Amino acid sequence: MLTNFVPPDLAPAYPEIFLLTMACAILLVDVIMGAASRGLVAALSLMTLFGCAALTALTATGEVNTTFSGMFIDDAFADLLKMLVYGSVAAVLVYSRGYLRDRGLDKAEYYLLVLFATLGMMVMISAGHFLTVYLGLELMSLSIYALVAMDRDSARSTEAAMKYFILGALASGLLLYGMSMMYGATGTLEINGVLQALAMGQANGIVLVFGLVFLVSGLAFKLGAVPFHMWVPDVYHGAPTPMTLFISSAPKLAAFAMIMRLLVFGTIPLAEQWQPMLLIMAVLSIIVGNLAAIAQTNIKRMFAYSAISHMGFMLLAFTTGVFNGHAALALEAYTSAFYYMVAYVLMSLAGFGILLLLSRSGYDVENLEDLKGLNQRSPWYAAVMMMTMFSMAGIPFFVGFFAKFSVLLSAVAANLVWVAVLAVAFSLVGAFYYLRVVKLMYFDAPNDVAPIHASIDMRVLLSLNGIAIAVFGAFPEPLMQLCRQALARSLF
């Protein structure tokens, strides 16, 4: 049997191999140097992400390449998503450094857990097999559970981590059970194999639909969509702000990749079964997220309910890909979902970045009242936060407006006009709590007049983040075209 063994092509997985190697090296550096390695560990972590980006660019061919017996896929969709993940994680590390240092949490464990979570995301993004999806998901999830509980002196963080762990384990069980039923119905664990079995009509229909229900439930939990949203506000509120920033950014891109791989790349012939499920969750998420956010006085909880409503919008795009049994609208629908997710991550990074900028030793900016009079303290960072709030509310001409607009166009094209009208109505409701933040920054007297101190790299990156929200809003087509091309080369 050994004579028939064909070594796998490692080239598509070079970024993952490099990241794992560097994470182990960083661990050794910390063990050898101890506390003196803090600055070096942070620098090495950022260098690791830049190295992964370089390797991803070098190994990108534009073609669909598979290795490890079809378990790992390298295509344009994976390459673009990985680049976005690297950028998001690098921004998180830069934004978080000052906050963590002031509170004694600037430890190698933080950087290592972030890198291992990133490795899990990369595996999820390139997964071509149910087991690869699950392996990447668990690596990412277990790292994030530990990150949430990193501040061991905080009872709130420990409680949030326990809730997240227990509910996350339940969701992983649902997902795994759904995968096992899909395997029982189709006889294969390969995502492409499932697609072929469905196309040839070789699957057991009843088992397939039950498996699909469990699969969608597990995916909805990872996104934080209603009715699987219970963990989102507690974890966002309980976790230290840098961990909340991390949870709200790069893992959302990985969850989007998981939905694409499992539902679109693997089970699109069953779209007329899973689209109604996603539609119900999308509508409920938009309604519950916007209504619950109005009552929040803690800005992290407000962002949590805002995230739920945004995930509802993103899921809405998935419900419009197949219409009347035809996939003519699929490319535009999934492109709008992709664009929406990228826009949301940009906005989330900027929003939480401002909170980290304003926080200092012994003082966390978490409540809406803490943003009072920000314009008097720093007109530029108040403007960045204002652009973020306007974008999240869907006000022209920021990136969030065109993200919402593209999803609504897809809904109207699929004859879901009533859903589009409902989404617009609740976006207007949501505008209230976003504009409330702007009102506090510009029209109220400041509670805190302490000068804003932050490293130059954080200030520059945060400024570029805010500018990106405006630029991609004024010129949305290049980013939209990038998403469209990546999907067209990988799926169609």
Protein backbone atom coordinates (compact mmCIF):
# COMPACT_ATOMS: atom_id res chain seq x y z
CA MET A 1 0.00 0.00 0.00
CA LEU A 2 2.89 2.37 0.71
CA THR A 3 4.10 2.10 -2.88
CA ASN A 4 0.78 3.60 -4.03
CA PHE A 5 1.01 6.55 -1.67
CA VAL A 6 1.06 9.89 -3.49
CA PRO A 7 2.44 12.75 -1.36
CA PRO A 8 0.00 15.69 -1.22
CA ASP A 9 0.85 18.98 -2.89
CA LEU A 10 1.75 21.24 0.03
CA ALA A 11 1.90 24.47 -1.99
CA PRO A 12 -1.80 25.45 -1.51
CA ALA A 13 -1.34 25.05 2.25
CA TYR A 14 1.94 26.99 2.55
CA PRO A 15 0.28 29.93 4.42
CA GLU A 16 -1.25 27.56 7.00
CA ILE A 17 2.04 25.66 7.43
CA PHE A 18 3.94 28.94 7.83
CA LEU A 19 1.50 30.28 10.42
CA LEU A 20 1.64 27.06 12.48
CA THR A 21 5.46 27.04 12.34
CA MET A 22 5.68 30.68 13.41
CA ALA A 23 3.18 30.17 16.25
CA CYS A 24 5.37 27.36 17.61
CA ALA A 25 8.47 29.56 17.21
CA ILE A 26 6.77 32.45 19.05
CA LEU A 27 5.86 30.05 21.86
CA LEU A 28 9.52 29.05 22.18
CA VAL A 29 10.62 32.70 22.15
CA ASP A 30 8.27 33.41 25.05
CA VAL A 31 9.43 30.38 27.02
CA ILE A 32 13.10 31.32 26.58
CA MET A 33 12.88 35.10 27.04
CA GLY A 34 9.92 35.42 29.42
CA ALA A 35 8.51 38.90 30.10
CA ALA A 36 11.28 40.52 28.07
CA SER A 37 9.76 39.05 24.89
CA ARG A 38 6.48 41.01 24.97
CA GLY A 39 7.37 43.55 22.30
CA LEU A 40 9.12 40.93 20.19
CA VAL A 41 6.12 38.58 20.35
CA ALA A 42 3.78 41.34 19.14
CA ALA A 43 6.14 42.21 16.28
CA LEU A 44 6.59 38.56 15.30
CA SER A 45 2.81 38.06 15.28
CA LEU A 46 2.34 40.93 12.84
CA MET A 47 5.26 39.67 10.73
CA THR A 48 3.61 36.24 10.66
CA LEU A 49 0.42 37.72 9.23
CA PHE A 50 2.38 39.66 6.60
CA GLY A 51 4.25 36.47 5.73
CA CYS A 52 0.97 34.57 5.36
CA ALA A 53 -0.32 37.33 3.07
CA ALA A 54 2.81 37.11 0.92
CA LEU A 55 2.56 33.32 0.64
CA THR A 56 -1.15 33.52 -0.19
CA ALA A 57 -0.38 36.00 -2.97
CA LEU A 58 2.49 33.87 -4.29
CA THR A 59 0.44 30.64 -4.36
CA ALA A 60 -2.67 32.26 -5.85
CA THR A 61 -3.22 30.95 -9.38
CA GLY A 62 -6.83 31.99 -9.95
CA GLU A 63 -7.66 28.33 -10.54
CA VAL A 64 -9.37 25.86 -8.20
CA ASN A 65 -6.62 23.68 -6.70
CA THR A 66 -7.24 20.84 -4.26
CA THR A 67 -4.87 18.82 -2.10
CA PHE A 68 -4.97 16.32 0.77
CA SER A 69 -7.39 14.12 -1.24
CA GLY A 70 -9.79 16.99 -1.88
CA MET A 71 -10.00 18.02 1.80
CA PHE A 72 -8.29 21.37 1.21
CA ILE A 73 -9.21 23.87 -1.52
CA ASP A 74 -7.20 26.83 -2.77
CA ASP A 75 -9.30 29.06 -5.03
CA ALA A 76 -9.85 32.77 -5.64
CA PHE A 77 -12.63 32.87 -3.03
CA ALA A 78 -10.32 31.42 -0.35
CA ASP A 79 -7.40 33.68 -1.32
CA LEU A 80 -9.46 36.89 -1.07
CA LEU A 81 -11.08 35.89 2.21
CA LYS A 82 -7.72 34.96 3.75
CA MET A 83 -6.27 38.32 2.76
CA LEU A 84 -9.20 40.03 4.46
CA VAL A 85 -8.71 37.88 7.57
CA TYR A 86 -5.01 38.78 7.75
CA GLY A 87 -5.83 42.47 7.49
CA SER A 88 -8.57 42.24 10.13
CA VAL A 89 -6.40 40.32 12.61
CA ALA A 90 -3.46 42.69 12.08
CA ALA A 91 -5.76 45.65 12.83
CA VAL A 92 -7.00 43.90 15.97
CA LEU A 93 -3.43 43.38 17.21
CA VAL A 94 -2.49 47.01 16.59
CA TYR A 95 -5.66 48.41 18.18
CA SER A 96 -5.39 46.13 21.23
CA ARG A 97 -1.77 46.61 22.24
CA GLY A 98 -2.12 49.74 24.40
CA TYR A 99 -5.27 48.50 26.16
CA LEU A 100 -3.70 45.15 27.02
CA ARG A 101 -0.42 46.71 28.20
CA ASP A 102 -2.22 49.10 30.56
CA ARG A 103 -4.07 46.20 32.20
CA GLY A 104 -1.27 43.64 32.40
CA LEU A 105 -2.87 41.42 29.75
CA ASP A 106 -0.18 41.99 27.11
CA LYS A 107 1.03 38.40 27.30
CA ALA A 108 2.28 35.94 24.70
CA GLU A 109 -0.80 33.80 25.33
CA TYR A 110 -2.98 36.49 23.76
CA TYR A 111 -0.98 36.60 20.55
CA LEU A 112 -0.68 32.82 20.34
CA LEU A 113 -4.40 32.29 20.83
CA VAL A 114 -5.16 34.92 18.18
CA LEU A 115 -2.76 33.19 15.75
CA PHE A 116 -4.22 29.74 16.41
CA ALA A 117 -7.74 31.13 15.98
CA THR A 118 -6.56 32.66 12.68
CA LEU A 119 -5.20 29.27 11.62
CA GLY A 120 -8.61 27.76 12.35
CA MET A 121 -10.26 30.43 10.20
CA MET A 122 -7.86 29.73 7.33
CA VAL A 123 -8.65 26.02 7.48
CA MET A 124 -12.40 26.77 7.49
CA ILE A 125 -12.04 29.06 4.50
CA SER A 126 -10.20 26.41 2.45
CA ALA A 127 -12.23 23.42 3.66
CA GLY A 128 -13.35 20.96 1.00
CA HIS A 129 -14.54 18.30 3.41
CA PHE A 130 -16.90 18.20 6.38
CA LEU A 131 -14.11 17.09 8.72
CA THR A 132 -11.85 19.94 7.59
CA VAL A 133 -14.67 22.42 8.27
CA TYR A 134 -15.14 20.98 11.75
CA LEU A 135 -11.41 20.88 12.49
CA GLY A 136 -11.00 24.56 11.58
CA LEU A 137 -14.15 25.55 13.46
CA GLU A 138 -13.06 23.89 16.70
CA LEU A 139 -9.53 25.30 16.51
CA MET A 140 -10.98 28.78 16.08
CA SER A 141 -13.71 28.35 18.71
CA LEU A 142 -11.54 26.87 21.47
CA SER A 143 -9.00 29.67 21.02
CA ILE A 144 -11.74 32.31 21.27
CA TYR A 145 -13.24 30.71 24.41
CA ALA A 146 -9.82 31.06 26.08
CA LEU A 147 -9.43 34.66 24.85
CA VAL A 148 -12.77 35.67 26.37
CA ALA A 149 -11.68 34.29 29.76
CA MET A 150 -8.16 35.75 29.61
CA ASP A 151 -8.80 38.37 32.27
CA ARG A 152 -8.94 35.85 35.11
CA ASP A 153 -9.61 38.55 37.72
CA SER A 154 -12.87 39.55 36.03
CA ALA A 155 -15.93 37.56 37.09
CA ARG A 156 -17.83 39.06 34.14
CA SER A 157 -15.29 37.73 31.62
CA THR A 158 -15.29 34.28 33.21
CA GLU A 159 -19.09 34.15 33.14
CA ALA A 160 -19.14 35.23 29.48
CA ALA A 161 -16.56 32.58 28.59
CA MET A 162 -18.56 29.84 30.33
CA LYS A 163 -21.77 30.84 28.54
CA TYR A 164 -19.96 30.99 25.21
CA PHE A 165 -18.28 27.63 25.78
CA ILE A 166 -21.47 25.78 26.78
CA LEU A 167 -23.61 27.24 24.00
CA GLY A 168 -20.74 26.87 21.52
CA ALA A 169 -20.40 23.19 22.39
CA LEU A 170 -24.14 22.74 21.83
CA ALA A 171 -23.91 24.47 18.44
CA SER A 172 -20.90 22.38 17.43
CA GLY A 173 -22.87 19.27 18.36
CA LEU A 174 -25.78 20.40 16.17
CA LEU A 175 -23.41 21.07 13.28
CA LEU A 176 -21.64 17.73 13.68
CA TYR A 177 -24.95 15.86 13.89
CA GLY A 178 -26.13 17.60 10.74
CA MET A 179 -22.90 16.61 8.97
CA SER A 180 -23.33 12.98 10.05
CA MET A 181 -26.88 12.93 8.68
CA MET A 182 -25.65 14.46 5.42
CA TYR A 183 -23.07 11.70 5.27
CA GLY A 184 -25.77 9.10 5.91
CA ALA A 185 -27.90 10.58 3.12
CA THR A 186 -25.17 10.98 0.48
CA GLY A 187 -22.47 8.48 1.47
CA THR A 188 -19.66 11.05 1.35
CA LEU A 189 -18.05 13.70 3.55
CA GLU A 190 -16.53 15.64 0.66
CA ILE A 191 -18.39 18.86 -0.07
CA ASN A 192 -18.03 18.38 -3.82
CA GLY A 193 -19.09 14.73 -3.41
CA VAL A 194 -22.29 15.85 -1.68
CA LEU A 195 -22.98 18.22 -4.57
CA GLN A 196 -22.51 15.41 -7.10
CA ALA A 197 -24.73 13.01 -5.13
CA LEU A 198 -27.49 15.65 -5.01
CA ALA A 199 -27.14 16.43 -8.72
CA MET A 200 -27.48 12.72 -9.58
CA GLY A 201 -30.44 12.22 -7.23
CA GLN A 202 -28.63 9.57 -5.17
CA ALA A 203 -29.39 11.03 -1.73
CA ASN A 204 -32.02 9.97 0.82
CA GLY A 205 -34.48 12.89 0.82
CA ILE A 206 -35.88 12.69 4.37
CA VAL A 207 -32.52 12.21 6.08
CA LEU A 208 -31.09 14.97 3.89
CA VAL A 209 -33.65 17.56 4.98
CA PHE A 210 -33.21 16.71 8.68
CA GLY A 211 -29.44 16.98 8.27
CA LEU A 212 -29.88 20.33 6.58
CA VAL A 213 -31.93 21.65 9.52
CA PHE A 214 -29.17 20.77 12.00
CA LEU A 215 -26.52 22.15 9.65
CA VAL A 216 -28.30 25.51 9.28
CA SER A 217 -28.88 25.70 13.04
CA GLY A 218 -25.17 25.26 13.75
CA LEU A 219 -24.23 27.85 11.14
CA ALA A 220 -26.78 30.34 12.51
CA PHE A 221 -25.25 30.06 15.98
CA LYS A 222 -21.78 30.87 14.69
CA LEU A 223 -23.18 33.98 13.00
CA GLY A 224 -25.32 34.97 16.00
CA ALA A 225 -28.59 34.98 14.05
CA VAL A 226 -31.98 34.84 15.81
CA PRO A 227 -33.07 32.51 17.46
CA PHE A 228 -29.47 31.35 18.11
CA HIS A 229 -28.28 34.78 19.25
CA MET A 230 -28.44 34.37 23.05
CA TRP A 231 -24.68 34.37 23.52
CA VAL A 232 -23.88 37.49 21.49
CA PRO A 233 -24.77 40.37 23.91
CA ASP A 234 -23.38 38.58 26.98
CA VAL A 235 -20.08 37.69 25.30
CA TYR A 236 -19.65 41.12 23.69
CA HIS A 237 -20.32 42.78 27.05
CA GLY A 238 -18.40 40.37 29.27
CA ALA A 239 -15.23 39.93 27.22
CA PRO A 240 -12.42 42.52 27.43
CA THR A 241 -12.86 45.04 24.60
CA PRO A 242 -9.93 43.73 22.47
CA MET A 243 -11.46 40.23 22.54
CA THR A 244 -14.86 41.67 21.63
CA LEU A 245 -13.20 43.46 18.72
CA PHE A 246 -11.64 40.18 17.56
CA ILE A 247 -14.90 38.21 17.84
CA SER A 248 -16.78 40.86 15.87
CA SER A 249 -14.38 40.94 12.92
CA ALA A 250 -12.32 38.10 11.42
CA PRO A 251 -14.44 35.15 12.73
CA LYS A 252 -17.43 36.64 10.90
CA LEU A 253 -15.51 36.25 7.63
CA ALA A 254 -14.73 32.63 8.51
CA ALA A 255 -18.41 31.96 9.34
CA PHE A 256 -19.36 33.47 5.97
CA ALA A 257 -16.89 31.11 4.28
CA MET A 258 -18.42 28.17 6.13
CA ILE A 259 -21.91 29.10 4.92
CA MET A 260 -20.64 29.43 1.36
CA ARG A 261 -18.79 26.12 1.44
CA LEU A 262 -21.55 24.07 3.07
CA LEU A 263 -24.69 25.62 1.59
CA VAL A 264 -23.68 27.12 -1.77
CA PHE A 265 -20.68 25.04 -2.86
CA GLY A 266 -22.11 21.83 -1.38
CA THR A 267 -25.90 21.85 -1.28
CA ILE A 268 -27.10 24.50 -3.75
CA PRO A 269 -29.49 21.93 -5.36
CA LEU A 270 -31.30 22.05 -1.99
CA ALA A 271 -31.48 25.86 -2.00
CA GLU A 272 -35.28 25.81 -2.08
CA GLN A 273 -35.14 23.88 1.23
CA TRP A 274 -32.57 25.98 3.07
CA GLN A 275 -33.49 29.43 1.70
CA PRO A 276 -36.83 29.59 3.62
CA MET A 277 -35.00 28.70 6.85
CA LEU A 278 -32.48 31.47 6.29
CA LEU A 279 -35.27 33.88 5.36
CA ILE A 280 -37.04 33.35 8.68
CA MET A 281 -33.79 33.85 10.60
CA ALA A 282 -32.90 36.93 8.52
CA VAL A 283 -36.23 38.64 9.16
CA LEU A 284 -36.19 37.82 12.88
CA SER A 285 -32.57 38.99 13.23
CA ILE A 286 -33.31 42.34 11.57
CA ILE A 287 -36.36 42.88 13.80
CA VAL A 288 -34.95 41.66 17.14
CA GLY A 289 -31.49 43.18 16.64
CA ASN A 290 -32.75 46.68 15.87
CA LEU A 291 -35.49 46.74 18.52
CA ALA A 292 -33.28 45.37 21.32
CA ALA A 293 -30.42 47.76 20.50
CA ILE A 294 -32.60 50.79 21.22
CA ALA A 295 -32.84 49.95 24.93
CA GLN A 296 -29.08 49.51 25.46
CA THR A 297 -26.99 51.98 27.44
CA ASN A 298 -23.82 49.89 27.17
CA ILE A 299 -22.26 50.50 23.76
CA LYS A 300 -20.76 47.00 23.55
CA ARG A 301 -24.21 45.47 24.02
CA MET A 302 -25.57 47.95 21.49
CA PHE A 303 -22.92 46.78 19.00
CA ALA A 304 -23.88 43.18 19.81
CA TYR A 305 -27.54 43.67 18.87
CA SER A 306 -26.40 45.75 15.91
CA ALA A 307 -24.29 42.76 14.79
CA ILE A 308 -27.36 40.52 15.00
CA SER A 309 -29.30 42.86 12.70
CA HIS A 310 -26.37 43.08 10.27
CA MET A 311 -26.10 39.29 10.12
CA GLY A 312 -29.81 39.27 9.30
CA PHE A 313 -29.14 41.55 6.33
CA MET A 314 -26.29 39.35 5.16
CA LEU A 315 -28.42 36.20 5.42
CA LEU A 316 -31.14 37.94 3.44
CA ALA A 317 -28.82 37.95 0.42
CA PHE A 318 -28.47 34.16 0.69
CA THR A 319 -32.24 33.74 0.39
CA THR A 320 -32.30 35.31 -3.08
CA GLY A 321 -29.72 33.24 -4.98
CA VAL A 322 -32.10 30.62 -6.38
CA PHE A 323 -35.46 31.91 -7.60
CA ASN A 324 -38.15 29.70 -9.18
CA GLY A 325 -35.65 26.87 -9.47
CA HIS A 326 -33.12 28.92 -11.43
CA ALA A 327 -29.74 30.21 -10.23
CA ALA A 328 -29.58 33.17 -12.61
CA LEU A 329 -29.50 35.59 -9.66
CA ALA A 330 -26.96 33.57 -7.67
CA LEU A 331 -23.74 35.40 -8.54
CA GLU A 332 -25.15 38.85 -7.74
CA ALA A 333 -26.88 37.61 -4.58
CA TYR A 334 -23.79 35.97 -3.11
CA THR A 335 -21.62 38.89 -4.22
CA SER A 336 -23.86 41.25 -2.26
CA ALA A 337 -23.58 38.97 0.81
CA PHE A 338 -19.78 38.92 0.44
CA TYR A 339 -19.63 42.70 0.07
CA TYR A 340 -21.91 43.16 3.07
CA MET A 341 -19.71 41.00 5.27
CA VAL A 342 -16.55 42.89 4.26
CA ALA A 343 -18.32 46.21 4.91
CA TYR A 344 -19.51 45.03 8.33
CA VAL A 345 -16.00 43.96 9.37
CA LEU A 346 -14.61 47.36 8.30
CA MET A 347 -17.27 49.15 10.37
CA SER A 348 -16.84 46.89 13.39
CA LEU A 349 -13.06 47.39 13.43
CA ALA A 350 -13.50 51.16 13.37
CA GLY A 351 -16.23 51.21 16.04
CA PHE A 352 -14.40 49.10 18.58
CA GLY A 353 -11.10 50.73 17.61
CA ILE A 354 -12.47 54.09 18.81
CA LEU A 355 -13.52 52.50 22.12
CA LEU A 356 -9.99 51.13 22.59
CA LEU A 357 -8.46 54.50 21.64
CA LEU A 358 -10.50 56.28 24.30
CA SER A 359 -9.91 53.67 27.01
CA ARG A 360 -6.95 54.13 29.33
CA SER A 361 -5.48 52.51 32.42
CA GLY A 362 -8.23 51.95 34.96
CA TYR A 363 -10.93 53.38 32.69
CA ASP A 364 -12.90 51.43 30.09
CA VAL A 365 -15.10 53.22 27.57
CA GLU A 366 -18.16 50.98 27.51
CA ASN A 367 -21.22 53.16 28.07
CA LEU A 368 -22.86 55.59 25.70
CA GLU A 369 -22.29 58.36 28.27
CA ASP A 370 -18.53 57.88 27.90
CA LEU A 371 -18.70 59.24 24.34
CA LYS A 372 -20.19 62.58 25.37
CA GLY A 373 -18.39 65.57 23.94
CA LEU A 374 -15.85 63.55 21.96
CA ASN A 375 -15.85 66.24 19.27
CA GLN A 376 -14.47 68.74 21.79
CA ARG A 377 -11.65 66.35 22.73
CA SER A 378 -10.76 65.19 19.21
CA PRO A 379 -12.73 66.37 16.16
CA TRP A 380 -11.02 63.86 13.87
CA TYR A 381 -11.79 60.74 15.91
CA ALA A 382 -15.32 61.99 16.51
CA ALA A 383 -15.59 62.24 12.71
CA VAL A 384 -14.30 58.65 12.32
CA MET A 385 -16.90 57.41 14.82
CA MET A 386 -19.60 59.49 13.08
CA MET A 387 -18.71 57.94 9.69
CA THR A 388 -18.88 54.50 11.30
CA MET A 389 -22.30 55.18 12.82
CA PHE A 390 -23.64 56.67 9.57
CA SER A 391 -22.33 53.67 7.66
CA MET A 392 -23.90 51.18 10.08
CA ALA A 393 -27.19 53.04 9.82
CA GLY A 394 -27.04 52.80 6.02
CA ILE A 395 -26.84 56.54 5.37
CA PRO A 396 -25.44 57.56 1.94
CA PHE A 397 -22.64 57.68 0.91
CA PHE A 398 -20.75 55.30 3.14
CA VAL A 399 -19.87 51.67 2.62
CA GLY A 400 -22.78 50.42 4.77
CA PHE A 401 -25.32 52.15 2.54
CA PHE A 402 -24.18 50.36 -0.61
CA ALA A 403 -23.93 47.07 1.28
CA LYS A 404 -27.57 47.36 2.34
CA PHE A 405 -28.61 48.67 -1.07
CA SER A 406 -27.07 45.71 -2.92
CA VAL A 407 -28.83 43.23 -0.61
CA LEU A 408 -32.16 45.02 -1.07
CA LEU A 409 -31.72 44.95 -4.86
CA SER A 410 -31.17 41.19 -4.69
CA ALA A 411 -34.31 40.79 -2.55
CA VAL A 412 -36.43 42.82 -5.00
CA ALA A 413 -35.02 40.86 -7.97
CA ALA A 414 -36.10 37.62 -6.23
CA ASN A 415 -39.63 39.02 -5.74
CA LEU A 416 -39.16 39.42 -1.98
CA VAL A 417 -40.42 43.01 -2.04
CA TRP A 418 -42.20 42.70 1.32
CA VAL A 419 -38.96 41.61 2.97
CA ALA A 420 -37.09 44.53 1.40
CA VAL A 421 -39.74 46.97 2.69
CA LEU A 422 -39.55 45.43 6.18
CA ALA A 423 -35.74 45.62 6.14
CA VAL A 424 -35.84 49.30 5.18
CA ALA A 425 -38.40 50.04 7.89
CA PHE A 426 -36.29 48.44 10.63
CA SER A 427 -33.15 50.09 9.27
CA LEU A 428 -34.92 53.38 9.98
CA VAL A 429 -35.61 52.13 13.51
CA GLY A 430 -31.93 51.22 13.82
CA ALA A 431 -30.88 54.68 12.67
CA PHE A 432 -32.15 55.99 16.02
CA TYR A 433 -29.55 54.32 18.19
CA TYR A 434 -26.71 55.03 15.75
CA LEU A 435 -27.61 58.74 15.51
CA ARG A 436 -27.92 58.87 19.30
CA VAL A 437 -24.17 58.19 19.48
CA VAL A 438 -23.51 61.06 17.05
CA LYS A 439 -25.71 63.36 19.12
CA LEU A 440 -23.77 62.52 22.30
CA MET A 441 -20.42 63.17 20.61
CA TYR A 442 -21.33 66.50 19.03
CA PHE A 443 -24.03 68.13 21.20
CA ASP A 444 -23.32 67.04 24.80
CA ALA A 445 -20.67 68.33 27.20
CA PRO A 446 -17.84 65.85 27.81
CA ASN A 447 -17.76 63.86 31.07
CA ASP A 448 -14.05 63.21 30.61
CA VAL A 449 -11.54 65.79 29.41
CA ALA A 450 -8.40 63.66 29.74
CA PRO A 451 -6.11 63.85 26.71
CA ILE A 452 -6.27 60.95 24.26
CA HIS A 453 -3.02 58.99 24.21
CA ALA A 454 -2.30 56.20 21.73
CA SER A 455 0.59 54.89 19.68
CA ILE A 456 1.18 56.45 16.28
CA ASP A 457 0.51 53.14 14.48
CA MET A 458 -2.91 52.86 16.10
CA ARG A 459 -3.81 56.45 15.25
CA VAL A 460 -2.73 56.05 11.61
CA LEU A 461 -4.48 52.69 11.16
CA LEU A 462 -7.68 53.91 12.78
CA SER A 463 -7.67 56.98 10.53
CA LEU A 464 -7.17 54.78 7.46
CA ASN A 465 -9.99 52.53 8.70
CA GLY A 466 -12.37 55.49 8.84
CA ILE A 467 -11.23 56.78 5.46
CA ALA A 468 -11.81 53.31 3.95
CA ILE A 469 -15.44 53.42 5.14
CA ALA A 470 -15.91 56.68 3.26
CA VAL A 471 -13.88 55.76 0.15
CA PHE A 472 -15.55 52.38 -0.39
CA GLY A 473 -18.86 54.16 0.05
CA ALA A 474 -18.03 56.79 -2.58
CA PHE A 475 -16.47 54.20 -4.92
CA PRO A 476 -18.07 50.82 -4.10
CA GLU A 477 -17.57 49.16 -7.49
CA PRO A 478 -13.87 48.10 -7.17
CA LEU A 479 -14.54 46.16 -3.96
CA MET A 480 -17.80 44.78 -5.33
CA GLN A 481 -16.02 43.68 -8.50
CA LEU A 482 -13.28 42.01 -6.46
CA CYS A 483 -15.89 39.97 -4.55
CA ARG A 484 -17.74 39.14 -7.77
CA GLN A 485 -14.61 37.92 -9.57
CA ALA A 486 -13.50 35.76 -6.64
CA LEU A 487 -16.89 34.04 -6.55
CA ALA A 488 -17.14 33.71 -10.34
CA ARG A 489 -13.75 32.00 -10.57
CA SER A 490 -14.48 29.63 -7.69
CA LEU A 491 -18.14 28.77 -8.05
CA PHE A 492 -19.52 29.53 -11.49
